[in-house]
Protein backbone atom coordinates (compact mmCIF):
# COMPACT_ATOMS: atom_id res chain seq x y z
CA UNK A 1 0.00 0.00 0.00
CA UNK A 2 2.78 2.42 0.95
CA UNK A 3 4.68 1.79 -2.27
CA UNK A 4 1.60 2.38 -4.43
CA UNK A 5 0.71 5.58 -2.59
CA UNK A 6 4.28 6.84 -2.99
CA UNK A 7 4.28 5.96 -6.70
CA UNK A 8 1.04 7.92 -7.03
CA UNK A 9 2.93 10.99 -5.83
CA UNK A 10 1.62 11.05 -2.30
CA UNK A 11 4.00 11.59 0.59
CA UNK A 12 3.98 8.57 2.88
CA UNK A 13 5.06 8.62 6.51
CA UNK A 14 5.48 5.33 8.35
CA UNK A 15 5.50 5.37 12.13
CA UNK A 16 5.73 2.47 14.54
CA UNK A 17 6.00 1.78 18.21
CA UNK A 18 8.87 0.31 20.19
CA UNK A 19 9.97 -3.11 18.99
CA UNK A 20 8.64 -2.59 15.46
CA UNK A 21 11.94 -1.47 13.93
CA UNK A 22 12.24 -4.63 11.80
CA UNK A 23 8.85 -3.92 10.24
CA UNK A 24 9.96 -0.40 9.36
CA UNK A 25 13.16 -1.76 7.78
CA UNK A 26 11.10 -4.22 5.70
CA UNK A 27 8.78 -1.42 4.58
CA UNK A 28 11.70 0.77 3.57
CA UNK A 29 13.20 -2.10 1.54
CA UNK A 30 9.93 -2.45 -0.40
CA UNK A 31 9.09 1.23 -0.68
CA UNK A 32 12.23 3.40 -0.58
CA UNK A 33 10.23 6.60 -1.21
CA UNK A 34 8.54 6.30 2.19
CA UNK A 35 9.65 8.56 5.02
CA UNK A 36 10.15 6.32 8.04
CA UNK A 37 9.86 7.74 11.56
CA UNK A 38 12.29 5.61 13.54
CA UNK A 39 11.21 6.73 16.98
CA UNK A 40 7.71 6.37 18.38
CA UNK A 41 5.71 9.56 18.31
CA UNK A 42 6.14 11.66 21.42
CA UNK A 43 2.56 11.82 22.54
CA UNK A 44 -1.09 11.52 21.65
CA UNK A 45 -1.30 15.15 20.57
CA UNK A 46 1.50 14.74 18.06
CA UNK A 47 -0.13 11.66 16.54
CA UNK A 48 -3.50 13.47 16.39
CA UNK A 49 -1.91 16.41 14.54
CA UNK A 50 -0.16 14.10 12.07
CA UNK A 51 -3.36 12.14 11.43
CA UNK A 52 -5.45 15.30 11.07
CA UNK A 53 -3.26 16.43 8.19
CA UNK A 54 -3.24 13.08 6.40
CA UNK A 55 -5.16 12.32 3.22
CA UNK A 56 -5.57 8.77 4.51
CA UNK A 57 -4.32 6.79 7.49
CA UNK A 58 -3.58 3.11 6.88
CA UNK A 59 -3.56 1.19 10.15
CA UNK A 60 -4.50 -1.95 11.94
CA UNK A 61 -7.31 -1.87 14.49
CA UNK A 62 -5.28 -0.17 17.21
CA UNK A 63 -5.24 3.04 19.20
CA UNK A 64 -3.75 5.19 16.40
CA UNK A 65 -6.63 4.18 14.15
CA UNK A 66 -9.17 5.44 16.70
CA UNK A 67 -7.29 8.71 17.14
CA UNK A 68 -7.22 9.21 13.37
CA UNK A 69 -10.97 8.65 13.17
CA UNK A 70 -11.54 11.04 16.10
CA UNK A 71 -9.78 13.86 14.25
CA UNK A 72 -11.73 13.16 11.06
CA UNK A 73 -9.02 11.51 8.97
CA UNK A 74 -10.10 8.95 6.39
CA UNK A 75 -8.90 5.56 7.65
CA UNK A 76 -8.13 2.29 5.86
CA UNK A 77 -8.01 -0.54 8.41
CA UNK A 78 -6.00 -3.61 7.45
C-alpha atoms as a PDB file:
ATOM      1  CA  UNK A   1       0.000   0.000   0.000  1.00  0.00           C
ATOM      2  CA  UNK A   2       2.780   2.420   0.952  1.00  0.00           C
ATOM      3  CA  UNK A   3       4.679   1.792  -2.274  1.00  0.00           C
ATOM      4  CA  UNK A   4       1.603   2.382  -4.433  1.00  0.00           C
ATOM      5  CA  UNK A   5       0.710   5.576  -2.594  1.00  0.00           C
ATOM      6  CA  UNK A   6       4.281   6.839  -2.991  1.00  0.00           C
ATOM      7  CA  UNK A   7       4.277   5.956  -6.695  1.00  0.00           C
ATOM      8  CA  UNK A   8       1.041   7.921  -7.033  1.00  0.00           C
ATOM      9  CA  UNK A   9       2.929  10.988  -5.831  1.00  0.00           C
ATOM     10  CA  UNK A  10       1.618  11.050  -2.300  1.00  0.00           C
ATOM     11  CA  UNK A  11       4.005  11.590   0.587  1.00  0.00           C
ATOM     12  CA  UNK A  12       3.985   8.568   2.878  1.00  0.00           C
ATOM     13  CA  UNK A  13       5.057   8.624   6.509  1.00  0.00           C
ATOM     14  CA  UNK A  14       5.480   5.332   8.352  1.00  0.00           C
ATOM     15  CA  UNK A  15       5.497   5.367  12.134  1.00  0.00           C
ATOM     16  CA  UNK A  16       5.733   2.472  14.543  1.00  0.00           C
ATOM     17  CA  UNK A  17       6.003   1.775  18.212  1.00  0.00           C
ATOM     18  CA  UNK A  18       8.875   0.309  20.187  1.00  0.00           C
ATOM     19  CA  UNK A  19       9.974  -3.111  18.990  1.00  0.00           C
ATOM     20  CA  UNK A  20       8.642  -2.589  15.462  1.00  0.00           C
ATOM     21  CA  UNK A  21      11.938  -1.470  13.926  1.00  0.00           C
ATOM     22  CA  UNK A  22      12.240  -4.634  11.802  1.00  0.00           C
ATOM     23  CA  UNK A  23       8.845  -3.923  10.245  1.00  0.00           C
ATOM     24  CA  UNK A  24       9.964  -0.400   9.360  1.00  0.00           C
ATOM     25  CA  UNK A  25      13.159  -1.763   7.780  1.00  0.00           C
ATOM     26  CA  UNK A  26      11.101  -4.219   5.697  1.00  0.00           C
ATOM     27  CA  UNK A  27       8.781  -1.421   4.575  1.00  0.00           C
ATOM     28  CA  UNK A  28      11.702   0.768   3.570  1.00  0.00           C
ATOM     29  CA  UNK A  29      13.201  -2.103   1.537  1.00  0.00           C
ATOM     30  CA  UNK A  30       9.933  -2.449  -0.402  1.00  0.00           C
ATOM     31  CA  UNK A  31       9.094   1.234  -0.680  1.00  0.00           C
ATOM     32  CA  UNK A  32      12.235   3.404  -0.576  1.00  0.00           C
ATOM     33  CA  UNK A  33      10.228   6.605  -1.208  1.00  0.00           C
ATOM     34  CA  UNK A  34       8.541   6.303   2.187  1.00  0.00           C
ATOM     35  CA  UNK A  35       9.647   8.559   5.018  1.00  0.00           C
ATOM     36  CA  UNK A  36      10.147   6.323   8.042  1.00  0.00           C
ATOM     37  CA  UNK A  37       9.862   7.744  11.556  1.00  0.00           C
ATOM     38  CA  UNK A  38      12.289   5.612  13.542  1.00  0.00           C
ATOM     39  CA  UNK A  39      11.207   6.730  16.983  1.00  0.00           C
ATOM     40  CA  UNK A  40       7.710   6.368  18.385  1.00  0.00           C
ATOM     41  CA  UNK A  41       5.711   9.561  18.311  1.00  0.00           C
ATOM     42  CA  UNK A  42       6.142  11.656  21.424  1.00  0.00           C
ATOM     43  CA  UNK A  43       2.559  11.819  22.540  1.00  0.00           C
ATOM     44  CA  UNK A  44      -1.092  11.520  21.654  1.00  0.00           C
ATOM     45  CA  UNK A  45      -1.304  15.146  20.570  1.00  0.00           C
ATOM     46  CA  UNK A  46       1.499  14.740  18.063  1.00  0.00           C
ATOM     47  CA  UNK A  47      -0.131  11.664  16.537  1.00  0.00           C
ATOM     48  CA  UNK A  48      -3.497  13.469  16.389  1.00  0.00           C
ATOM     49  CA  UNK A  49      -1.906  16.407  14.538  1.00  0.00           C
ATOM     50  CA  UNK A  50      -0.164  14.095  12.068  1.00  0.00           C
ATOM     51  CA  UNK A  51      -3.363  12.141  11.428  1.00  0.00           C
ATOM     52  CA  UNK A  52      -5.451  15.302  11.070  1.00  0.00           C
ATOM     53  CA  UNK A  53      -3.262  16.434   8.187  1.00  0.00           C
ATOM     54  CA  UNK A  54      -3.241  13.081   6.401  1.00  0.00           C
ATOM     55  CA  UNK A  55      -5.160  12.322   3.223  1.00  0.00           C
ATOM     56  CA  UNK A  56      -5.572   8.771   4.506  1.00  0.00           C
ATOM     57  CA  UNK A  57      -4.320   6.792   7.491  1.00  0.00           C
ATOM     58  CA  UNK A  58      -3.578   3.114   6.882  1.00  0.00           C
ATOM     59  CA  UNK A  59      -3.556   1.194  10.146  1.00  0.00           C
ATOM     60  CA  UNK A  60      -4.501  -1.945  11.940  1.00  0.00           C
ATOM     61  CA  UNK A  61      -7.307  -1.872  14.490  1.00  0.00           C
ATOM     62  CA  UNK A  62      -5.278  -0.169  17.209  1.00  0.00           C
ATOM     63  CA  UNK A  63      -5.237   3.044  19.198  1.00  0.00           C
ATOM     64  CA  UNK A  64      -3.753   5.185  16.404  1.00  0.00           C
ATOM     65  CA  UNK A  65      -6.629   4.182  14.146  1.00  0.00           C
ATOM     66  CA  UNK A  66      -9.168   5.442  16.698  1.00  0.00           C
ATOM     67  CA  UNK A  67      -7.285   8.706  17.140  1.00  0.00           C
ATOM     68  CA  UNK A  68      -7.223   9.208  13.371  1.00  0.00           C
ATOM     69  CA  UNK A  69     -10.969   8.650  13.172  1.00  0.00           C
ATOM     70  CA  UNK A  70     -11.540  11.037  16.096  1.00  0.00           C
ATOM     71  CA  UNK A  71      -9.779  13.861  14.251  1.00  0.00           C
ATOM     72  CA  UNK A  72     -11.726  13.159  11.057  1.00  0.00           C
ATOM     73  CA  UNK A  73      -9.016  11.506   8.973  1.00  0.00           C
ATOM     74  CA  UNK A  74     -10.096   8.951   6.391  1.00  0.00           C
ATOM     75  CA  UNK A  75      -8.902   5.562   7.651  1.00  0.00           C
ATOM     76  CA  UNK A  76      -8.133   2.287   5.861  1.00  0.00           C
ATOM     77  CA  UNK A  77      -8.012  -0.536   8.415  1.00  0.00           C
ATOM     78  CA  UNK A  78      -6.004  -3.608   7.448  1.00  0.00           C
END
